[in-house]
Amino acid sequence: AWAALPWPRCRMCSLTFYSKSEMQIHSKSHTEAKPHKCPHCSKTFANSSYLAQHLRIHSGAKPYSCNFCEKAFRQLSHLQQHTRIHAKMHTETTKPHKCPHCSKTFANTSYLAQHLRIHSGAKPYNCSYCQKAFRQLSHLQQHTRIHTGDRPYKCAHPGCEKAFTQLSNLQSHRRQHNKDKPFKCHNCHRAYTDATSLEVHLSTHTVKHAKVYTCSICSRAYTSETYLMKHMRKHNPPDLQQQVQAAAAAAAVAQAQAQAQAQAQAQAQASQASQQPQQQPPQPPHFQSPGAAPQGGGGGDSNPNPPPQCSFDLTPYKTAEHHKDICLTVTTSTIQVEHLASS
């Protein structure tokens, strides 16, 4: 039965395959070394997979079953060939209307009638303004807009009033706007076509990732109350819950102030960008770490604002460096929040 199917067949062993490339890979096995010998006959194979496939002939195993009927096959390629029969039957069932001039089939008579116009050359849709005729109604409607001047596809870009007769022309026009984005963010590489979009984006940098939950013992800061609670378990003070609640209350106040400040800063930057869109946006202010030396002149070894001393016990740690790793003070690059000890 398989001989009648036009599938690639190996000349050496008459095996059939789903594709020509699979058959070519198989053909190499006839010329290579064959260390895998069948225990039931004298045949040898280049790899164990071919031997396992051959052993099904002796055992009668057919592991590849069809999902549409009860037939089973020894080889996957035979199952794939068989499945094509069901696919063809499914097409004939769902698309029973066949073109008498070619092999195409259609789900209903209207699609078939539209297709037949390609073979007959019929153009039943005539333009009322000129002598042109069309095979499809949609083509006539698109052509009529040339005479009427109707442009239903309008560009939504701010300040652009262009409109088009075809959707494809509008899509091509939009790509030109995407290349022109003068409102650029100074924190990342994103750019926007208008100042309002830039203002919304800038607020995500200043508020979303702000570390406003600060430890009252070592001044480490975190973006959420959950992270702060996990950190304070390392210190293990007797009134842990009270300190966390106090820190959370202070963080809520600081976050509200930071949001107001960030919104004002974003509005100012967006306003400046709208007035001068071609200029480079201002660089964000540089915040100096609490423990870093001040820039510029001024000698002396004393620090007028020393960092807060951590009250965590040094006894469990061998060196000061181990203690420093745990109680390292982290500051935010955009928003400085005073820690609880100095409030």
Foldseek 3Di string as FASTA:
>chain_A
DCVVDPFDAAPPPRDGAQHPVVNVVQNVFVVDDFPAAAPVDGDTTPDVVVNVLVVCVVVVDFPAAAPVDGDGHSDPRVNVVVVVVVVVVVCCVQFVAAAPVDGDTHRDVVVNVLVVCVVVVDFPAAAPVDGDGHSDPVVNQLVVCVVVVDFPAADPQPPDGDGHSDPVVNVVVVVVQVVDFLAADQVDGDGHNALVVQLVVQLCVQQVFAFLQAQQFLGATHNDLVVVLVLCVVLVDPPSVVRSVVSVVLSVVLSVVSSVVSSVVSVVQSVVCRVPSNDDGDHADFDDDQCDDDDDDDDDDDDPRHDDDGPRDPVVDDDVVVVCVSSPHDADGHDGHDHPNVD
